[in-house]
Amino acid sequence: MPGIHKLSLPDHGLKLKQGPDGERIFDPYRRKWVLTTPEEMVRQHFLAHLVHDLGCPEPLIRVEHSLALNGMMKRADATIYDRHGDPLALVECKAPEVKLSQKVFDQAARYNIGMRVRWLFITNGTTHFCCEVDLVKGKTRFHDKLPTYLEMIEEVGGPS
């Protein structure tokens, strides 16, 4: 794809094909071919990293999860659930050329008002942020690396 940035995510062999309206990528979560945009490439590479490298069960990931926010319908790029079906993590993806500014973090935080997840992942494919949200104390802690799925589902205050 012309002008595509090199992503700092592993290549897990995503499926691409040429369609009449441009290149398409297969989204295994929605089970369909979608137009390949820079943001979609980031989303698919990031989710593949979560599944293949960090142990997130693919069936527990939902893409473009709708949520109501102040009476308006919004869509989270992806939501990861725990084994009980409760939302665990929210993923916000941007195109590689988009700077991950305070505005992007505020967007994810607003989405989390309704979702109430413990983990927020924000990525543009080259830079990734991981925040753990303490919903009781209302505090957020940034982590240097993305947690594995097992680390995500550990009880708060459990083993490190």
Foldseek 3Di string as FASTA:
>chain_A
DPPADDFPFDCPPWDWDADPVGIWTQDVQVRGTDHDDLQVVLLVRVVCCLVVPQPQPSPQKHAQDWDAAPNDIGTFGMFGADPVNATAETEHEDGLVDDCDVVVVVVQVSVCVGRVHQWYWYYNRHDIWIWGADPVVRDIDTDPDDHHVVVSPDDVVDDD
